């Protein structure tokens, strides 16, 4: 998997007093961090280095720490200060930016020369797309290594000289020094990597407002922008689930496929969708859609897929067949009471209609249930949908009850469970934010 071309990972540490860190100590730290991240090549000082500005080449990568006696221009902070989450989590951000008198700027990039300068030159025009291959980060592993190195240099800088704010440029997030230090010193880095941008544009018939969240910066690790679609639940809950999704993908070593779902338990279903680039999301998007939450009394079967269900560690909570049989049992009971709600576009309703057509009404073994996985076509989607009226005529109440009973029995097979601890990590992280965001 590739990520959108990334010019650099950058971080600005703001100070009110100028107290540069020793240059030799900085060089030693960079060498150590580069070795920990297994960057190829030896670390060597560049000719542009000074006693306080340490510029290092490690193989093809450039790591620069510039300790500047003056402040950064205010225009670089305007968007970050306007972020709703900045105002929630760091209400003192505007004052911190206004009061800083000096800064430390950290850069991790590819190539000896700034790609952005080369791109604007005649050489950049001549090289064209080849410039990206030479001087831009295009894989998530290098991006994460760059982020690890930058945040640990920033940690050393902040511990050497009192810090008023940290600007994490990869997702345009302004963090308080307390928050930044707490996250970087922990094993849970997603609050740094995902800057949550809330949005809202709808409400239900009772006036309940729905809210969604864009995970800014997610494209550098997932290749696409992570978006939790609008739902009538609190912002903090959406953000927590977004981080649980990120942790689950990280622990299973790959992104949960399109059409599957995840949740901390079987009474919580969040559907996962993978979408191509669009005008609104030029990198493409990974959508998270709330289908079921017992906690919030939500059960929207119109959004139901035929999923494999994962927990927040990326473990499969049940088999595809068990997941489907559970949905069939619940939905068949509902249709027995309300046959007019049959929706032939709904894959679970399609499955029920198919089972009604079987004379013996036997439940399909798990191995015979067709479930769409990433990259696999599903035969059912290529078949013409049944006529809604004809399908509804087949809804015999007694047969539906029988299907519900058999599906329920089939879904109640014992499954292996694994002790989880990632939820507690996320809860601890959310506790940090609660002190500021309320």
Protein backbone atom coordinates (compact mmCIF):
# COMPACT_ATOMS: atom_id res chain seq x y z
CA UNK A 1 0.00 0.00 0.00
CA UNK A 2 1.25 3.46 -0.92
CA UNK A 3 0.31 6.77 0.62
CA UNK A 4 -0.13 10.14 -1.13
CA UNK A 5 3.31 11.67 -1.87
CA UNK A 6 4.54 13.45 1.27
CA UNK A 7 7.17 16.18 1.05
CA UNK A 8 8.18 16.04 4.71
CA UNK A 9 7.15 15.33 8.29
CA UNK A 10 7.54 18.59 10.19
CA UNK A 11 7.02 19.76 13.74
CA UNK A 12 7.40 23.20 15.36
CA UNK A 13 8.10 23.51 19.09
CA UNK A 14 7.28 26.99 20.43
CA UNK A 15 9.14 28.65 23.32
CA UNK A 16 8.94 31.92 25.22
CA UNK A 17 12.69 31.92 26.01
CA UNK A 18 15.61 30.97 23.77
CA UNK A 19 17.60 28.10 25.25
CA UNK A 20 19.03 25.99 22.41
CA UNK A 21 19.93 22.37 23.04
CA UNK A 22 23.59 21.39 22.68
CA UNK A 23 24.36 20.55 19.05
CA UNK A 24 26.53 17.50 19.77
CA UNK A 25 23.82 16.06 22.01
CA UNK A 26 21.27 16.62 19.23
CA UNK A 27 23.45 14.86 16.67
CA UNK A 28 23.92 11.91 19.03
CA UNK A 29 20.14 11.71 19.58
CA UNK A 30 19.45 11.74 15.82
CA UNK A 31 21.97 8.94 15.25
CA UNK A 32 20.34 6.88 18.00
CA UNK A 33 16.79 7.44 16.71
CA UNK A 34 17.79 6.66 13.12
CA UNK A 35 19.35 3.38 14.26
CA UNK A 36 16.23 2.48 16.27
CA UNK A 37 14.08 2.99 13.17
CA UNK A 38 16.61 0.99 11.11
CA UNK A 39 17.14 3.71 8.54
CA UNK A 40 19.70 2.48 5.98
CA UNK A 41 23.07 4.25 5.95
CA UNK A 42 25.31 6.07 8.41
CA UNK A 43 24.43 9.46 9.90
CA UNK A 44 26.64 12.35 8.78
CA UNK A 45 26.47 16.09 9.36
CA UNK A 46 25.59 18.27 6.36
CA UNK A 47 27.64 21.35 5.47
CA UNK A 48 24.70 23.58 6.46
CA UNK A 49 24.97 22.52 10.13
CA UNK A 50 26.03 25.01 12.83
CA UNK A 51 26.55 24.78 16.58
CA UNK A 52 22.80 24.93 17.19
CA UNK A 53 21.28 23.97 13.82
CA UNK A 54 21.94 20.29 13.22
CA UNK A 55 21.31 19.00 9.69
CA UNK A 56 21.96 15.30 9.14
CA UNK A 57 21.86 12.89 6.20
CA UNK A 58 21.10 9.23 6.95
CA UNK A 59 21.26 7.35 3.67
CA UNK A 60 18.68 9.04 1.43
CA UNK A 61 16.94 10.83 4.31
CA UNK A 62 17.44 14.35 5.63
CA UNK A 63 16.80 15.15 9.31
CA UNK A 64 17.11 18.80 10.30
CA UNK A 65 16.70 20.57 13.64
CA UNK A 66 16.80 24.35 13.44
CA UNK A 67 16.78 26.29 16.74
CA UNK A 68 15.62 29.80 15.90
CA UNK A 69 15.87 32.90 18.11
CA UNK A 70 12.79 34.51 16.52
CA UNK A 71 9.08 33.59 16.36
CA UNK A 72 7.33 31.89 13.46
CA UNK A 73 4.94 33.98 11.36
CA UNK A 74 1.28 33.98 12.47
CA UNK A 75 -0.02 32.94 9.03
CA UNK A 76 1.29 29.41 9.53
CA UNK A 77 -1.00 28.92 12.55
CA UNK A 78 -4.25 30.37 11.24
CA UNK A 79 -5.86 27.13 10.08
CA UNK A 80 -4.73 25.19 13.16
CA UNK A 81 -6.13 27.86 15.48
CA UNK A 82 -9.46 27.77 13.64
CA UNK A 83 -9.87 24.00 14.11
CA UNK A 84 -12.84 23.18 16.38
CA UNK A 85 -10.82 20.52 18.17
CA UNK A 86 -7.98 22.95 18.94
CA UNK A 87 -10.51 25.21 20.64
CA UNK A 88 -11.91 22.26 22.64
CA UNK A 89 -8.67 20.57 23.69
CA UNK A 90 -6.30 23.57 23.88
CA UNK A 91 -8.25 26.80 24.53
CA UNK A 92 -5.00 28.62 25.40
CA UNK A 93 -3.55 27.91 21.93
CA UNK A 94 -4.06 31.41 20.52
CA UNK A 95 -2.31 33.00 23.51
CA UNK A 96 0.54 30.47 23.33
CA UNK A 97 1.13 31.29 19.66
CA UNK A 98 0.96 35.03 20.29
CA UNK A 99 3.42 34.86 23.21
CA UNK A 100 6.12 32.66 21.69
CA UNK A 101 9.40 34.48 20.94
CA UNK A 102 11.48 31.61 19.53
CA UNK A 103 11.06 28.13 18.10
CA UNK A 104 12.65 24.82 17.22
CA UNK A 105 11.69 23.49 13.79
CA UNK A 106 12.17 19.78 13.03
CA UNK A 107 12.09 18.27 9.53
CA UNK A 108 12.33 14.71 8.23
CA UNK A 109 12.42 14.47 4.43
CA UNK A 110 13.80 12.44 1.56
CA UNK A 111 16.75 13.75 -0.47
CA UNK A 112 19.46 16.28 0.29
CA UNK A 113 17.50 19.21 -1.18
CA UNK A 114 14.01 20.38 -0.18
CA UNK A 115 11.63 18.83 -2.68
CA UNK A 116 9.42 21.92 -2.67
CA UNK A 117 12.29 24.14 -3.79
CA UNK A 118 13.30 21.73 -6.55
CA UNK A 119 9.69 21.40 -7.76
CA UNK A 120 9.52 25.14 -8.41
CA UNK A 121 12.76 25.18 -10.42
CA UNK A 122 13.53 24.32 -14.04
CA UNK A 123 15.03 21.02 -12.82
CA UNK A 124 11.76 20.11 -11.11
CA UNK A 125 9.80 20.79 -14.29
CA UNK A 126 12.21 18.64 -16.30
CA UNK A 127 12.05 15.74 -13.84
CA UNK A 128 8.26 15.72 -13.63
CA UNK A 129 6.81 12.66 -11.86
CA UNK A 130 10.30 11.22 -11.32
CA UNK A 131 10.80 13.91 -8.66
CA UNK A 132 8.22 12.22 -6.40
CA UNK A 133 10.05 8.90 -6.58
CA UNK A 134 13.35 10.53 -5.64
CA UNK A 135 12.35 13.14 -3.06
CA UNK A 136 8.97 12.26 -1.54
CA UNK A 137 7.81 9.75 1.07
CA UNK A 138 5.30 7.37 -0.51
CA UNK A 139 5.03 4.40 1.87
CA UNK A 140 3.39 4.29 5.34
CA UNK A 141 6.35 2.56 7.02
CA UNK A 142 8.75 5.38 6.18
CA UNK A 143 6.09 7.93 7.16
CA UNK A 144 5.64 6.31 10.58
CA UNK A 145 9.42 6.10 11.10
CA UNK A 146 9.66 9.80 10.24
CA UNK A 147 6.91 10.61 12.74
CA UNK A 148 8.59 8.55 15.45
CA UNK A 149 11.90 10.37 14.93
CA UNK A 150 10.32 13.84 14.79
CA UNK A 151 8.20 13.37 17.92
CA UNK A 152 11.14 12.02 19.94
CA UNK A 153 13.38 14.91 18.90
CA UNK A 154 10.55 17.28 19.89
CA UNK A 155 10.27 15.47 23.23
CA UNK A 156 13.99 16.04 23.94
CA UNK A 157 13.69 19.71 22.90
CA UNK A 158 10.64 20.25 25.13
CA UNK A 159 12.38 18.66 28.11
CA UNK A 160 15.42 20.89 27.54
CA UNK A 161 13.53 24.18 27.17
CA UNK A 162 10.01 24.95 28.53
CA UNK A 163 7.50 24.77 25.69
CA UNK A 164 4.30 26.75 25.20
CA UNK A 165 2.83 24.73 22.29
CA UNK A 166 3.68 22.08 19.68
CA UNK A 167 2.49 22.37 16.08
CA UNK A 168 2.33 18.89 14.46
CA UNK A 169 2.29 19.94 10.82
CA UNK A 170 1.40 16.53 9.32
CA UNK A 171 -2.22 17.04 10.39
CA UNK A 172 -2.12 20.73 11.34
CA UNK A 173 -2.67 20.02 15.03
CA UNK A 174 -1.74 22.43 17.82
CA UNK A 175 -1.17 20.64 21.11
CA UNK A 176 -0.52 21.86 24.63
CA UNK A 177 2.89 20.83 25.96
CA UNK A 178 1.22 18.69 28.63
CA UNK A 179 -0.82 16.79 26.07
CA UNK A 180 2.09 16.36 23.66
CA UNK A 181 4.43 15.02 26.35
CA UNK A 182 1.80 12.63 27.70
CA UNK A 183 1.06 11.16 24.25
CA UNK A 184 4.68 10.85 23.09
CA UNK A 185 5.76 9.19 26.34
CA UNK A 186 2.93 6.64 26.06
CA UNK A 187 2.57 3.63 23.77
CA UNK A 188 -0.58 5.12 22.28
CA UNK A 189 0.33 7.63 19.55
CA UNK A 190 -2.96 7.91 17.64
CA UNK A 191 -4.06 11.15 19.38
CA UNK A 192 -1.00 12.71 17.73
CA UNK A 193 -1.51 11.06 14.33
CA UNK A 194 -5.28 11.72 14.01
CA UNK A 195 -6.53 15.29 14.31
CA UNK A 196 -10.34 14.97 14.58
CA UNK A 197 -12.32 17.50 12.54
CA UNK A 198 -16.04 17.38 13.43
CA UNK A 199 -18.70 18.17 10.84
CA UNK A 200 -22.49 18.16 10.87
CA UNK A 201 -25.24 18.77 8.38
CA UNK A 202 -28.26 16.75 9.40
CA UNK A 203 -30.73 16.08 12.19
CA UNK A 204 -33.59 13.60 12.60
CA UNK A 205 -37.33 14.29 12.86
CA UNK A 206 -36.93 14.99 16.60
CA UNK A 207 -34.26 17.60 15.96
CA UNK A 208 -31.41 15.39 17.26
CA UNK A 209 -28.23 16.61 15.61
CA UNK A 210 -25.91 14.10 13.96
CA UNK A 211 -22.17 14.62 13.85
CA UNK A 212 -19.33 13.13 11.85
CA UNK A 213 -15.54 13.22 12.18
CA UNK A 214 -12.72 13.45 9.62
CA UNK A 215 -9.42 12.02 10.85
CA UNK A 216 -7.00 14.60 9.48
CA UNK A 217 -3.56 13.10 8.84
CA UNK A 218 -4.94 9.57 8.45
CA UNK A 219 -3.96 9.50 4.76
CA UNK A 220 -0.27 9.32 5.72
CA UNK A 221 -0.79 5.96 7.45
CA UNK A 222 -3.88 4.46 5.76
CA UNK A 223 -3.38 5.84 2.24
CA UNK A 224 -6.90 7.33 2.38
CA UNK A 225 -8.73 9.79 4.60
CA UNK A 226 -10.54 8.16 7.53
CA UNK A 227 -14.11 9.49 7.91
CA UNK A 228 -16.69 8.54 10.53
CA UNK A 229 -20.01 9.31 8.86
CA UNK A 230 -22.59 11.38 10.70
CA UNK A 231 -24.42 9.67 13.56
CA UNK A 232 -26.56 10.92 16.51
CA UNK A 233 -23.88 10.19 19.11
CA UNK A 234 -21.35 12.36 21.02
CA UNK A 235 -18.22 13.61 19.29
CA UNK A 236 -15.99 12.01 21.95
CA UNK A 237 -17.56 8.58 21.25
CA UNK A 238 -16.93 8.88 17.49
CA UNK A 239 -13.34 9.94 18.07
CA UNK A 240 -12.75 7.06 20.49
CA UNK A 241 -14.16 4.53 18.00
CA UNK A 242 -12.04 6.03 15.21
CA UNK A 243 -8.92 5.45 17.29
CA UNK A 244 -10.08 1.92 18.16
CA UNK A 245 -10.42 1.24 14.43
CA UNK A 246 -6.87 2.52 13.89
CA UNK A 247 -5.53 0.31 16.69
CA UNK A 248 -7.39 -2.74 15.40
CA UNK A 249 -5.97 -2.28 11.90
CA UNK A 250 -2.50 -1.76 13.32
CA UNK A 251 -2.67 -4.93 15.42
CA UNK A 252 -4.00 -7.14 12.60
CA UNK A 253 -1.38 -5.75 10.19
CA UNK A 254 -3.81 -4.56 7.54
CA UNK A 255 -6.88 -2.38 7.09
CA UNK A 256 -10.24 -4.05 7.76
CA UNK A 257 -11.66 -4.84 4.29
CA UNK A 258 -14.50 -3.09 2.50
CA UNK A 259 -17.88 -4.53 3.49
CA UNK A 260 -16.74 -5.94 6.84
CA UNK A 261 -17.37 -4.32 10.22
CA UNK A 262 -15.83 -3.82 13.63
CA UNK A 263 -16.88 -3.08 17.19
CA UNK A 264 -15.83 -3.73 20.78
CA UNK A 265 -18.56 -6.40 21.08
CA UNK A 266 -21.33 -7.96 19.00
CA UNK A 267 -23.89 -5.33 20.09
CA UNK A 268 -21.77 -2.68 18.39
CA UNK A 269 -21.47 -2.77 14.60
CA UNK A 270 -19.57 -0.15 12.60
CA UNK A 271 -19.47 -0.83 8.86
CA UNK A 272 -16.23 -0.22 6.95
CA UNK A 273 -16.21 1.09 3.38
CA UNK A 274 -13.32 1.85 1.01
CA UNK A 275 -14.00 4.56 -1.59
CA UNK A 276 -12.15 5.94 -4.59
CA UNK A 277 -10.85 9.54 -4.71
CA UNK A 278 -13.43 12.27 -5.16
CA UNK A 279 -13.50 16.05 -5.30
CA UNK A 280 -14.26 16.18 -1.56
CA UNK A 281 -11.72 13.49 -0.63
CA UNK A 282 -8.92 13.59 -3.24
CA UNK A 283 -6.98 10.78 -1.50
CA UNK A 284 -10.06 8.55 -1.38
CA UNK A 285 -11.71 7.72 1.92
CA UNK A 286 -12.29 4.91 4.39
CA UNK A 287 -15.79 5.37 5.77
CA UNK A 288 -16.96 4.20 9.18
CA UNK A 289 -20.76 4.00 9.43
CA UNK A 290 -22.57 3.28 12.69
CA UNK A 291 -25.02 0.43 12.10
CA UNK A 292 -25.71 -0.79 15.61
CA UNK A 293 -24.98 0.49 19.12
CA UNK A 294 -26.85 -0.88 22.12
CA UNK A 295 -25.29 1.94 24.16
CA UNK A 296 -27.07 4.56 22.03
CA UNK A 297 -30.18 2.51 21.15
CA UNK A 298 -29.28 2.46 17.44
CA UNK A 299 -29.99 -0.48 15.14
CA UNK A 300 -30.13 0.64 11.50
CA UNK A 301 -30.58 -2.51 9.41
CA UNK A 302 -30.81 -0.46 6.20
CA UNK A 303 -27.01 -0.07 6.42
CA UNK A 304 -26.35 -3.75 7.10
CA UNK A 305 -23.68 -5.54 5.08
CA UNK A 306 -22.86 -9.26 5.22
CA UNK A 307 -19.82 -8.65 7.40
CA UNK A 308 -17.01 -10.39 9.11
CA UNK A 309 -17.02 -8.63 12.45
CA UNK A 310 -13.74 -7.54 14.10
CA UNK A 311 -13.03 -6.26 17.60
CA UNK A 312 -10.77 -3.31 18.49
CA UNK A 313 -7.68 -5.56 18.35
CA UNK A 314 -8.48 -6.73 14.84
CA UNK A 315 -9.61 -10.18 16.02
CA UNK A 316 -12.57 -11.81 14.30
CA UNK A 317 -15.48 -11.84 16.77
CA UNK A 318 -17.40 -14.48 14.81
CA UNK A 319 -17.40 -16.35 11.52
CA UNK A 320 -19.10 -14.91 8.47
CA UNK A 321 -21.87 -17.47 8.78
CA UNK A 322 -22.52 -16.73 12.43
CA UNK A 323 -22.66 -13.02 11.71
CA UNK A 324 -25.16 -13.54 8.91
CA UNK A 325 -27.32 -15.97 10.88
CA UNK A 326 -27.51 -13.52 13.78
CA UNK A 327 -28.71 -10.79 11.41
CA UNK A 328 -31.20 -13.14 9.72
CA UNK A 329 -32.66 -14.23 13.08
CA UNK A 330 -33.24 -10.63 14.17
CA UNK A 331 -34.55 -9.44 10.82
CA UNK A 332 -36.89 -12.40 10.17
CA UNK A 333 -38.67 -11.77 13.48
CA UNK A 334 -39.05 -8.11 12.53
CA UNK A 335 -40.45 -8.97 9.08
CA UNK A 336 -43.00 -11.34 10.65
CA UNK A 337 -44.41 -8.33 12.48
CA UNK A 338 -43.87 -5.75 9.73
CA UNK A 339 -43.75 -7.43 6.28
CA UNK A 340 -44.22 -4.07 4.56
CA UNK A 341 -40.69 -3.11 5.61
CA UNK A 342 -39.10 -5.69 3.28
CA UNK A 343 -36.27 -4.06 1.34
CA UNK A 344 -34.97 -6.15 -1.56
CA UNK A 345 -31.89 -3.90 -1.74
CA UNK A 346 -30.94 -5.04 1.77
CA UNK A 347 -28.60 -8.08 1.58
CA UNK A 348 -30.06 -9.63 4.75
CA UNK A 349 -33.58 -9.34 3.33
CA UNK A 350 -32.32 -10.92 0.11
CA UNK A 351 -30.91 -13.82 2.14
CA UNK A 352 -34.26 -14.33 3.90
CA UNK A 353 -36.14 -14.39 0.58
CA UNK A 354 -33.66 -16.98 -0.72
CA UNK A 355 -34.15 -19.16 2.36
CA UNK A 356 -37.92 -18.98 1.97
CA UNK A 357 -37.54 -20.41 -1.53
CA UNK A 358 -35.83 -23.54 -0.14
CA UNK A 359 -38.49 -26.22 0.44
CA UNK A 360 -36.84 -27.60 3.55
CA UNK A 361 -35.99 -24.16 4.96
CA UNK A 362 -32.62 -25.46 6.10
CA UNK A 363 -30.03 -23.00 7.33
CA UNK A 364 -26.96 -22.88 5.12
CA UNK A 365 -23.72 -24.08 6.72
CA UNK A 366 -21.20 -21.31 7.29
CA UNK A 367 -19.03 -22.69 4.48
CA UNK A 368 -21.80 -22.17 1.94
CA UNK A 369 -22.60 -18.58 2.82
CA UNK A 370 -21.22 -16.12 0.30
CA UNK A 371 -19.57 -13.11 1.92
CA UNK A 372 -17.87 -10.31 0.03
CA UNK A 373 -14.25 -9.71 0.98
CA UNK A 374 -11.93 -6.99 -0.27
CA UNK A 375 -11.02 -7.62 -3.88
CA UNK A 376 -13.62 -10.38 -4.41
CA UNK A 377 -16.71 -9.91 -6.59
CA UNK A 378 -19.95 -11.08 -5.06
CA UNK A 379 -22.18 -13.13 -7.35
CA UNK A 380 -25.31 -11.89 -5.62
CA UNK A 381 -24.64 -8.27 -6.62
CA UNK A 382 -24.55 -9.34 -10.28
CA UNK A 383 -27.95 -11.06 -10.10
CA UNK A 384 -31.15 -9.11 -10.84
CA UNK A 385 -32.91 -8.09 -7.64
CA UNK A 386 -36.27 -9.77 -6.97
CA UNK A 387 -39.39 -7.74 -7.57
CA UNK A 388 -40.36 -6.13 -4.26
CA UNK A 389 -44.05 -7.07 -4.55
CA UNK A 390 -43.35 -10.68 -5.53
CA UNK A 391 -40.82 -11.04 -2.73
CA UNK A 392 -43.21 -9.61 -0.16
CA UNK A 393 -45.89 -12.15 -1.14
CA UNK A 394 -43.52 -14.93 -0.05
CA UNK A 395 -43.33 -13.63 3.51
CA UNK A 396 -45.28 -16.31 5.34
CA UNK A 397 -45.32 -15.48 9.08
CA UNK A 398 -44.95 -19.08 10.24
CA UNK A 399 -42.06 -19.69 7.88
CA UNK A 400 -40.36 -16.46 8.99
CA UNK A 401 -40.65 -17.54 12.62
CA UNK A 402 -39.10 -20.90 11.71
CA UNK A 403 -36.24 -19.21 9.87
CA UNK A 404 -35.63 -16.87 12.82
CA UNK A 405 -35.53 -19.79 15.25
CA UNK A 406 -33.13 -21.88 13.16
CA UNK A 407 -30.88 -18.92 12.37
CA UNK A 408 -30.74 -18.04 16.07
CA UNK A 409 -29.72 -21.60 16.97
CA UNK A 410 -27.06 -21.61 14.24
CA UNK A 411 -25.60 -18.30 15.41
CA UNK A 412 -25.25 -19.40 19.04
CA UNK A 413 -22.08 -21.40 18.49
CA UNK A 414 -19.33 -20.76 21.04
CA UNK A 415 -16.48 -18.61 19.70
CA UNK A 416 -12.94 -18.15 20.99
CA UNK A 417 -12.37 -14.85 22.68
CA UNK A 418 -9.19 -13.03 23.46
CA UNK A 419 -8.51 -10.72 26.39
CA UNK A 420 -8.42 -7.18 25.10
CA UNK A 421 -6.47 -4.25 26.47
CA UNK A 422 -6.58 -1.72 23.64
CA UNK A 423 -9.91 -0.31 24.86
CA UNK A 424 -8.26 0.65 28.13
CA UNK A 425 -5.45 2.36 26.20
CA UNK A 426 -7.98 4.39 24.24
CA UNK A 427 -9.88 5.20 27.44
CA UNK A 428 -6.69 6.46 29.05
CA UNK A 429 -6.01 8.63 26.02
CA UNK A 430 -9.55 9.98 26.07
CA UNK A 431 -9.10 10.74 29.76
CA UNK A 432 -6.22 13.03 28.83
CA UNK A 433 -8.46 14.94 26.44
CA UNK A 434 -11.32 15.09 28.94
CA UNK A 435 -9.31 17.42 31.15
CA UNK A 436 -9.37 19.99 28.36
CA UNK A 437 -12.37 19.17 26.23
CA UNK A 438 -14.78 18.46 29.09
